[in-house]
Amino acid sequence: MTWDYQGGTVFYTDEGSGARTVVLLHGWGCDHSIFDSFTGALASGCRVIAIDFPGFGQSPEPPAVWGVEEYTAMLEEMMRSLGVEKPCFVAHSFGGRVALLYASRRLVDRMMLVDAAGVKPHRSLRYYIKVYSYKLAKWFWLRLLRRPSLPGRFAGLGSADYKSASPRMKAVLSKVVNQDLRSVMPSISAPVLLFWGDADTATPIRDAHVMERLIPDTGLVVVPGGTHYSFLEAPALFASVLDNFFKTA
């Protein structure tokens, strides 16, 4: 299915029925299908809506360089349009940013944050040297020398997500990755369950502990050895937690 927004479309699936509506929010570089192995079981007792954020999957890129605010405004309007007054969320990685901001200012039943982003990363000096070396090389090569692309020796300076993105989505990534949502976390009144891999290097376990401290009603499930995709690495545990969290009162 598609939903029209600001001259573009947002692709989504809508299945199942029940007292709760669970909205699945994927991470950067993914789409709704990353949850496919769990959607069917969840839809046996809940309405389940899985979306492709603009710029991912079957949804075209946003009409401008969006940040977390614009993605959240889109989700707010989409929920109103679909008649969802008090959604639940399962949000992975980048999707966690949108869920956090939404829940800080709108009614949410409950939400599960999975290896979620939202805490500004703690970066080493080495990281900043790498980033600014890339930016300097890009400016020198493309602007000053007016070459069409960077030479191969600079290929390792940008992140994999950044290098694989289109020009507009590169700008979106740069905008969202530095947005720190710790200030809105105390405003979240809904029950929140954190599901995290303790070997996650993209959104490390210390981010989960920050959220656990700042969000009033929070629990934490840790996957030993789990990475940024802990829910795919421990599917039986994730399915059990999902079922218990969303199919109970």
Protein backbone atom coordinates (compact mmCIF):
# COMPACT_ATOMS: atom_id res chain seq x y z
CA MET A 1 0.00 0.00 0.00
CA THR A 2 1.05 3.61 -0.41
CA TRP A 3 0.13 6.77 1.44
CA ASP A 4 0.51 10.22 -0.13
CA TYR A 5 2.57 12.85 1.67
CA GLN A 6 4.07 16.15 0.47
CA GLY A 7 3.88 15.16 -3.17
CA GLY A 8 5.47 11.77 -2.62
CA THR A 9 4.37 8.36 -1.37
CA VAL A 10 5.18 6.25 1.66
CA PHE A 11 4.99 2.50 1.20
CA TYR A 12 3.56 0.41 4.04
CA THR A 13 1.94 -2.92 4.84
CA ASP A 14 -1.11 -3.27 7.08
CA GLU A 15 -2.20 -6.64 8.39
CA GLY A 16 -3.87 -8.32 11.33
CA SER A 17 -6.30 -6.87 13.84
CA GLY A 18 -6.64 -6.45 17.56
CA ALA A 19 -6.88 -3.97 20.38
CA ARG A 20 -3.35 -2.72 19.73
CA THR A 21 -1.76 -1.29 16.59
CA VAL A 22 1.97 -2.01 16.43
CA VAL A 23 3.98 0.12 14.01
CA LEU A 24 7.33 -1.27 12.85
CA LEU A 25 10.08 1.31 12.21
CA HIS A 26 13.23 0.05 10.50
CA GLY A 27 16.80 1.31 10.74
CA TRP A 28 19.05 3.15 8.33
CA GLY A 29 19.77 1.27 5.12
CA CYS A 30 16.94 -1.24 5.75
CA ASP A 31 13.23 -1.36 5.00
CA HIS A 32 10.07 -2.90 6.46
CA SER A 33 11.04 -6.40 5.32
CA ILE A 34 13.69 -6.69 8.04
CA PHE A 35 10.82 -7.55 10.41
CA ASP A 36 9.17 -10.08 8.08
CA SER A 37 10.02 -13.15 10.16
CA PHE A 38 8.13 -11.71 13.16
CA THR A 39 5.25 -9.84 11.52
CA GLY A 40 2.95 -12.82 11.00
CA ALA A 41 2.99 -13.97 14.62
CA LEU A 42 2.52 -10.43 15.89
CA ALA A 43 -0.39 -9.88 13.48
CA SER A 44 -2.24 -12.85 15.00
CA GLY A 45 -3.29 -10.64 17.90
CA CYS A 46 -2.52 -7.07 16.82
CA ARG A 47 -2.89 -4.77 13.86
CA VAL A 48 0.62 -4.44 12.44
CA ILE A 49 1.73 -1.56 10.20
CA ALA A 50 5.24 -1.72 8.75
CA ILE A 51 6.51 1.29 6.82
CA ASP A 52 9.38 2.14 4.52
CA PHE A 53 10.69 5.53 5.59
CA PRO A 54 11.09 7.99 2.69
CA GLY A 55 14.41 7.24 1.03
CA PHE A 56 14.32 3.51 1.84
CA GLY A 57 12.75 0.41 0.36
CA GLN A 58 9.79 1.24 -1.86
CA SER A 59 9.37 4.83 -0.62
CA PRO A 60 11.05 7.53 -2.73
CA GLU A 61 13.42 10.01 -1.16
CA PRO A 62 11.94 12.90 0.85
CA PRO A 63 11.39 16.16 -1.07
CA ALA A 64 14.07 17.95 0.97
CA VAL A 65 16.86 17.18 3.44
CA TRP A 66 14.86 15.84 6.37
CA GLY A 67 15.94 15.45 9.97
CA VAL A 68 14.34 13.52 12.81
CA GLU A 69 11.71 16.26 13.17
CA GLU A 70 10.51 15.90 9.56
CA TYR A 71 10.40 12.10 9.71
CA THR A 72 8.45 12.31 12.97
CA ALA A 73 6.00 14.87 11.55
CA MET A 74 5.42 12.52 8.63
CA LEU A 75 4.72 9.63 11.01
CA GLU A 76 2.36 11.76 13.10
CA GLU A 77 0.33 12.72 10.02
CA MET A 78 0.35 9.13 8.77
CA MET A 79 -1.03 7.82 12.07
CA ARG A 80 -3.81 10.42 11.99
CA SER A 81 -4.62 9.50 8.40
CA LEU A 82 -4.77 5.77 9.21
CA GLY A 83 -6.91 6.33 12.28
CA VAL A 84 -4.28 5.21 14.80
CA GLU A 85 -4.71 7.28 17.96
CA LYS A 86 -2.37 5.49 20.36
CA PRO A 87 0.18 3.38 18.48
CA CYS A 88 2.73 0.94 19.78
CA PHE A 89 6.20 0.95 18.23
CA VAL A 90 8.91 -1.57 17.51
CA ALA A 91 11.80 0.59 16.39
CA HIS A 92 15.28 -0.47 15.33
CA SER A 93 18.32 1.82 15.06
CA PHE A 94 17.33 5.02 13.17
CA GLY A 95 13.66 4.14 13.68
CA GLY A 96 14.31 4.56 17.40
CA ARG A 97 15.02 8.25 16.90
CA VAL A 98 11.62 8.78 15.32
CA ALA A 99 9.85 6.68 17.96
CA LEU A 100 11.52 8.58 20.79
CA LEU A 101 10.55 12.00 19.47
CA TYR A 102 7.01 10.85 18.64
CA ALA A 103 6.48 9.34 22.11
CA SER A 104 7.80 12.48 23.82
CA ARG A 105 4.90 14.56 22.47
CA ARG A 106 2.10 12.17 21.44
CA LEU A 107 0.13 9.41 23.13
CA VAL A 108 1.82 6.04 22.71
CA ASP A 109 0.57 2.75 24.18
CA ARG A 110 4.03 1.18 24.60
CA MET A 111 7.17 0.74 22.58
CA MET A 112 10.12 -1.57 22.13
CA LEU A 113 13.43 0.02 21.14
CA VAL A 114 15.85 -2.40 19.52
CA ASP A 115 19.52 -1.37 19.37
CA ALA A 116 18.06 2.09 18.92
CA ALA A 117 19.72 5.37 18.04
CA GLY A 118 18.94 8.56 19.90
CA VAL A 119 22.01 9.24 22.03
CA LYS A 120 24.63 11.31 20.24
CA PRO A 121 27.62 9.02 19.70
CA HIS A 122 30.74 9.47 21.77
CA ARG A 123 33.45 9.95 19.16
CA SER A 124 37.18 9.50 19.53
CA LEU A 125 39.77 11.97 18.23
CA ARG A 126 40.65 9.40 15.59
CA TYR A 127 37.06 9.46 14.32
CA TYR A 128 37.03 13.25 13.94
CA ILE A 129 40.38 13.19 12.16
CA LYS A 130 38.93 10.62 9.73
CA VAL A 131 35.71 12.58 9.14
CA TYR A 132 37.34 15.94 8.61
CA SER A 133 40.08 14.44 6.44
CA TYR A 134 37.32 13.09 4.21
CA LYS A 135 35.54 16.46 4.11
CA LEU A 136 38.77 18.31 3.31
CA ALA A 137 39.69 15.83 0.59
CA LYS A 138 36.20 16.09 -0.89
CA TRP A 139 36.32 19.90 -0.92
CA PHE A 140 39.81 19.98 -2.42
CA TRP A 141 39.16 17.37 -5.11
CA LEU A 142 35.61 18.27 -6.16
CA ARG A 143 35.50 22.04 -5.62
CA LEU A 144 39.06 23.27 -6.05
CA LEU A 145 40.28 20.83 -8.71
CA ARG A 146 36.75 20.38 -10.14
CA ARG A 147 37.16 16.63 -10.59
CA PRO A 148 34.00 14.49 -11.03
CA SER A 149 34.74 12.15 -8.09
CA LEU A 150 37.15 11.36 -5.31
CA PRO A 151 40.07 9.07 -6.18
CA GLY A 152 40.06 5.53 -4.84
CA ARG A 153 42.59 6.20 -2.07
CA PHE A 154 39.96 8.27 -0.24
CA ALA A 155 37.31 5.54 -0.41
CA GLY A 156 37.92 4.28 3.12
CA LEU A 157 37.40 7.65 4.78
CA GLY A 158 33.59 7.73 4.70
CA SER A 159 31.28 5.32 6.55
CA ALA A 160 29.64 2.49 4.61
CA ASP A 161 26.18 4.03 5.11
CA TYR A 162 27.40 7.40 3.91
CA LYS A 163 29.23 6.07 0.86
CA SER A 164 26.26 3.98 -0.31
CA ALA A 165 23.73 6.83 0.01
CA SER A 166 22.54 9.20 -2.71
CA PRO A 167 23.57 12.88 -2.40
CA ARG A 168 20.29 13.82 -0.70
CA MET A 169 20.36 10.86 1.68
CA LYS A 170 23.99 11.64 2.54
CA ALA A 171 22.76 15.05 3.69
CA VAL A 172 19.90 13.43 5.61
CA LEU A 173 22.30 11.05 7.34
CA SER A 174 24.61 13.89 8.32
CA LYS A 175 21.64 15.77 9.79
CA VAL A 176 20.06 12.95 11.78
CA VAL A 177 23.16 11.22 13.15
CA ASN A 178 24.16 14.22 15.27
CA GLN A 179 20.72 14.86 16.77
CA ASP A 180 20.80 14.01 20.48
CA LEU A 181 17.40 13.09 21.92
CA ARG A 182 18.34 12.72 25.57
CA SER A 183 16.48 15.93 26.40
CA VAL A 184 13.10 14.47 25.31
CA MET A 185 13.46 11.08 27.00
CA PRO A 186 12.13 12.14 30.44
CA SER A 187 8.90 13.30 28.72
CA ILE A 188 8.05 9.77 27.57
CA SER A 189 5.25 8.35 29.74
CA ALA A 190 4.62 5.09 27.85
CA PRO A 191 6.18 1.80 29.00
CA VAL A 192 9.41 1.19 27.08
CA LEU A 193 11.29 -2.08 26.65
CA LEU A 194 14.88 -1.95 25.43
CA PHE A 195 16.23 -4.97 23.52
CA TRP A 196 19.99 -4.72 23.01
CA GLY A 197 23.09 -6.63 21.98
CA ASP A 198 25.94 -6.09 24.41
CA ALA A 199 28.45 -6.26 21.53
CA ASP A 200 26.67 -3.59 19.47
CA THR A 201 29.25 -1.10 18.20
CA ALA A 202 26.86 1.13 16.22
CA THR A 203 24.61 1.98 19.18
CA PRO A 204 26.57 0.55 22.12
CA ILE A 205 25.03 -0.88 25.26
CA ARG A 206 25.92 2.30 27.15
CA ASP A 207 23.25 4.05 25.04
CA ALA A 208 20.70 1.56 26.39
CA HIS A 209 21.76 2.38 29.95
CA VAL A 210 21.34 6.11 29.22
CA MET A 211 17.80 5.49 27.97
CA GLU A 212 17.07 3.21 30.92
CA ARG A 213 18.09 6.02 33.28
CA LEU A 214 16.25 8.85 31.51
CA ILE A 215 12.97 7.24 30.39
CA PRO A 216 10.70 6.84 33.46
CA ASP A 217 9.12 3.41 32.77
CA THR A 218 11.83 1.29 31.16
CA GLY A 219 13.09 -2.29 31.17
CA LEU A 220 16.14 -3.77 29.46
CA VAL A 221 16.71 -7.15 27.83
CA VAL A 222 20.35 -7.80 26.91
CA VAL A 223 21.47 -10.31 24.27
CA PRO A 224 24.94 -11.60 25.22
CA GLY A 225 27.24 -11.27 22.23
CA GLY A 226 24.49 -9.58 20.21
CA THR A 227 25.44 -6.93 17.68
CA HIS A 228 23.44 -4.07 16.15
CA TYR A 229 21.03 -6.68 14.77
CA SER A 230 20.49 -8.56 18.02
CA PHE A 231 16.84 -9.27 17.19
CA LEU A 232 17.90 -11.27 14.13
CA GLU A 233 20.67 -13.06 16.02
CA ALA A 234 18.40 -14.14 18.89
CA PRO A 235 15.09 -14.66 17.06
CA ALA A 236 13.48 -17.01 19.59
CA LEU A 237 14.16 -14.63 22.48
CA PHE A 238 13.00 -11.63 20.48
CA ALA A 239 9.78 -13.37 19.39
CA SER A 240 9.01 -14.36 22.98
CA VAL A 241 9.65 -10.87 24.33
CA LEU A 242 7.63 -9.34 21.50
CA ASP A 243 4.68 -11.63 22.19
CA ASN A 244 4.71 -11.02 25.93
CA PHE A 245 5.12 -7.26 25.67
CA PHE A 246 2.41 -6.56 23.11
CA LYS A 247 -0.15 -9.30 23.72
CA THR A 248 -0.51 -8.77 27.46
CA ALA A 249 -2.32 -5.95 29.24
